[in-house]
Amino acid sequence: MQVIFTKGSTRYGQLRCVRMDGSATQTQMPEQGIAPHDMIHYVVEKRLRIQGAFFSQIRAGADINFTLEHNEASLAVADKTEIWQTESTVEALQSLLWSADAPSYAGFIYLLEQACSNRKLAMPKISESDFEHILNEIMDLTIEWQGMGEGQSLTLKF
């Protein structure tokens, strides 16, 4: 599936996903200075090979909107625990990236523990190596994203 992030105004960009069968879905995404929330999802889900969260559901046919409109195939791949563990991971990474401090694995684990605890979830196992790879890719994409002008797109494969 192609995942297309298009730089918008200072408020909203756009996320468009084009599946292998040519069907597509899209939505607005808030601009936030660092890589957009959905771009962080992309990196996390790809690196950790998560099969039951946001992008896997879209690839299986879910329509992107505020509540993710599902079809049978996308419901079949959805995993509620993975969905919320992934969201907790993305939130922890966003918090680290918005912080003035240099991101650290210890800081990430602390924030991830808090997010999972608040949701009464088991914490996903994310190695320091995976954390470093995820962080480096997000930082590279953030630099690329920040250098783009309105209307320019970044196309990735999921």
Protein backbone atom coordinates (compact mmCIF):
# COMPACT_ATOMS: atom_id res chain seq x y z
CA MET A 1 0.00 0.00 0.00
CA GLN A 2 1.18 3.50 -0.78
CA VAL A 3 1.00 5.92 2.13
CA ILE A 4 1.06 9.52 0.87
CA PHE A 5 1.62 12.39 3.27
CA THR A 6 0.92 15.78 1.70
CA LYS A 7 2.08 18.98 3.34
CA GLY A 8 -0.78 21.39 3.85
CA SER A 9 -1.23 24.77 5.41
CA THR A 10 0.09 25.52 8.88
CA ARG A 11 -2.97 23.71 10.31
CA TYR A 12 -3.64 20.58 8.26
CA GLY A 13 -1.89 18.23 5.89
CA GLN A 14 -3.40 15.21 4.21
CA LEU A 15 -2.94 11.46 4.53
CA ARG A 16 -3.94 9.34 1.54
CA CYS A 17 -3.57 5.57 1.36
CA VAL A 18 -3.77 3.73 -1.96
CA ARG A 19 -4.20 -0.02 -1.66
CA MET A 20 -2.79 -2.60 -4.06
CA ASP A 21 -6.23 -2.97 -5.71
CA GLY A 22 -6.26 0.77 -6.50
CA SER A 23 -8.88 1.70 -3.90
CA ALA A 24 -7.99 4.66 -1.73
CA THR A 25 -8.97 6.52 1.41
CA GLN A 26 -7.85 9.88 2.75
CA THR A 27 -8.23 12.29 5.63
CA GLN A 28 -6.87 15.55 6.98
CA MET A 29 -4.13 15.33 9.58
CA PRO A 30 -3.07 18.11 11.94
CA GLU A 31 0.32 19.72 11.40
CA GLN A 32 2.34 19.64 14.61
CA GLY A 33 5.88 20.83 13.91
CA ILE A 34 7.43 17.38 14.18
CA ALA A 35 6.48 14.45 11.94
CA PRO A 36 2.68 14.12 11.93
CA HIS A 37 1.07 11.67 14.35
CA ASP A 38 0.10 9.31 11.51
CA MET A 39 3.66 9.35 10.15
CA ILE A 40 4.91 8.24 13.57
CA HIS A 41 2.28 5.45 13.45
CA TYR A 42 3.66 4.43 10.07
CA VAL A 43 7.22 4.15 11.38
CA VAL A 44 6.23 2.27 14.55
CA GLU A 45 3.91 -0.19 12.79
CA LYS A 46 6.39 -0.86 9.99
CA ARG A 47 9.44 -1.33 12.24
CA LEU A 48 7.65 -3.49 14.81
CA ARG A 49 5.72 -5.40 12.10
CA ILE A 50 2.41 -4.70 13.83
CA GLN A 51 -0.38 -6.44 11.93
CA GLY A 52 -3.50 -5.38 13.84
CA ALA A 53 -3.29 -1.60 14.15
CA PHE A 54 -4.08 1.50 12.06
CA PHE A 55 -2.23 0.94 8.77
CA SER A 56 -2.96 -2.79 8.60
CA GLN A 57 -6.66 -2.02 9.02
CA ILE A 58 -6.48 0.55 6.23
CA ARG A 59 -4.59 -1.86 3.98
CA ALA A 60 -7.38 -4.39 4.62
CA GLY A 61 -10.03 -1.87 3.52
CA ALA A 62 -10.93 0.35 6.46
CA ASP A 63 -11.89 3.89 5.50
CA ILE A 64 -9.89 6.60 7.26
CA ASN A 65 -12.07 8.93 9.22
CA PHE A 66 -12.37 9.91 12.84
CA THR A 67 -13.66 6.47 13.85
CA LEU A 68 -12.14 4.26 11.09
CA GLU A 69 -15.05 2.79 9.14
CA HIS A 70 -14.45 -0.95 8.83
CA ASN A 71 -15.28 -3.63 6.36
CA GLU A 72 -15.15 -7.36 7.16
CA ALA A 73 -11.51 -7.75 6.14
CA SER A 74 -10.29 -4.79 8.20
CA LEU A 75 -12.27 -5.96 11.24
CA ALA A 76 -10.63 -9.37 10.87
CA VAL A 77 -7.11 -7.89 11.21
CA ALA A 78 -7.97 -5.39 13.97
CA ASP A 79 -6.47 -6.27 17.33
CA LYS A 80 -7.76 -4.04 20.14
CA THR A 81 -4.72 -4.64 22.36
CA GLU A 82 -2.27 -3.91 19.52
CA ILE A 83 -4.26 -0.82 18.54
CA TRP A 84 -3.99 0.71 22.02
CA GLN A 85 -0.41 -0.45 22.63
CA THR A 86 0.56 1.17 19.32
CA GLU A 87 -1.27 4.37 20.24
CA SER A 88 0.55 4.40 23.60
CA THR A 89 3.89 3.92 21.80
CA VAL A 90 3.16 6.78 19.38
CA GLU A 91 2.10 9.08 22.23
CA ALA A 92 5.28 8.29 24.18
CA LEU A 93 7.41 9.06 21.11
CA GLN A 94 5.54 12.32 20.45
CA SER A 95 6.08 13.41 24.05
CA LEU A 96 9.79 12.69 23.75
CA LEU A 97 10.08 14.59 20.47
CA TRP A 98 8.20 17.62 21.78
CA SER A 99 10.43 17.74 24.85
CA ALA A 100 13.45 20.02 24.96
CA ASP A 101 15.52 17.11 26.31
CA ALA A 102 17.36 14.65 24.08
CA PRO A 103 15.16 11.55 23.63
CA SER A 104 16.36 8.53 25.59
CA TYR A 105 15.29 4.91 25.78
CA ALA A 106 14.77 5.22 29.55
CA GLY A 107 12.53 8.26 29.04
CA PHE A 108 10.60 6.44 26.33
CA ILE A 109 10.06 3.36 28.52
CA TYR A 110 8.85 5.56 31.39
CA LEU A 111 6.32 7.36 29.15
CA LEU A 112 5.22 4.09 27.54
CA GLU A 113 4.67 2.51 30.97
CA GLN A 114 2.53 5.50 31.98
CA ALA A 115 0.44 5.41 28.79
CA CYS A 116 -0.13 1.66 29.02
CA SER A 117 -0.88 1.82 32.74
CA ASN A 118 -3.49 4.54 32.16
CA ARG A 119 -5.17 2.26 29.60
CA LYS A 120 -4.76 -0.83 31.79
CA LEU A 121 -2.66 -2.55 29.11
CA ALA A 122 0.34 -4.82 29.18
CA MET A 123 3.34 -2.91 27.92
CA PRO A 124 4.59 -3.97 24.47
CA LYS A 125 8.17 -5.23 24.31
CA ILE A 126 10.23 -2.69 22.38
CA SER A 127 13.98 -3.22 22.40
CA GLU A 128 16.46 -0.40 22.67
CA SER A 129 17.62 -1.25 19.14
CA ASP A 130 14.06 -0.93 17.78
CA PHE A 131 13.63 2.32 19.70
CA GLU A 132 16.83 3.72 18.14
CA HIS A 133 15.76 2.69 14.63
CA ILE A 134 12.28 4.15 15.11
CA LEU A 135 13.65 7.38 16.55
CA ASN A 136 16.21 7.77 13.75
CA GLU A 137 13.59 7.20 11.05
CA ILE A 138 11.17 9.64 12.67
CA MET A 139 13.93 12.25 12.95
CA ASP A 140 14.85 11.76 9.26
CA LEU A 141 11.21 12.03 8.20
CA THR A 142 10.71 15.09 10.42
CA ILE A 143 13.61 16.88 8.71
CA GLU A 144 12.24 15.93 5.28
CA TRP A 145 8.70 16.96 6.30
CA GLN A 146 9.82 20.32 7.69
CA GLY A 147 11.68 21.07 4.45
CA MET A 148 8.64 20.46 2.27
CA GLY A 149 6.42 23.19 0.92
CA GLU A 150 2.65 23.32 0.88
CA GLY A 151 1.25 20.78 -1.59
CA GLN A 152 4.40 18.63 -1.70
CA SER A 153 4.02 14.93 -0.93
CA LEU A 154 6.07 12.18 0.62
CA THR A 155 5.11 8.68 -0.58
CA LEU A 156 6.02 5.65 1.54
CA LYS A 157 5.20 1.96 1.23
CA PHE A 158 3.45 -0.10 3.89
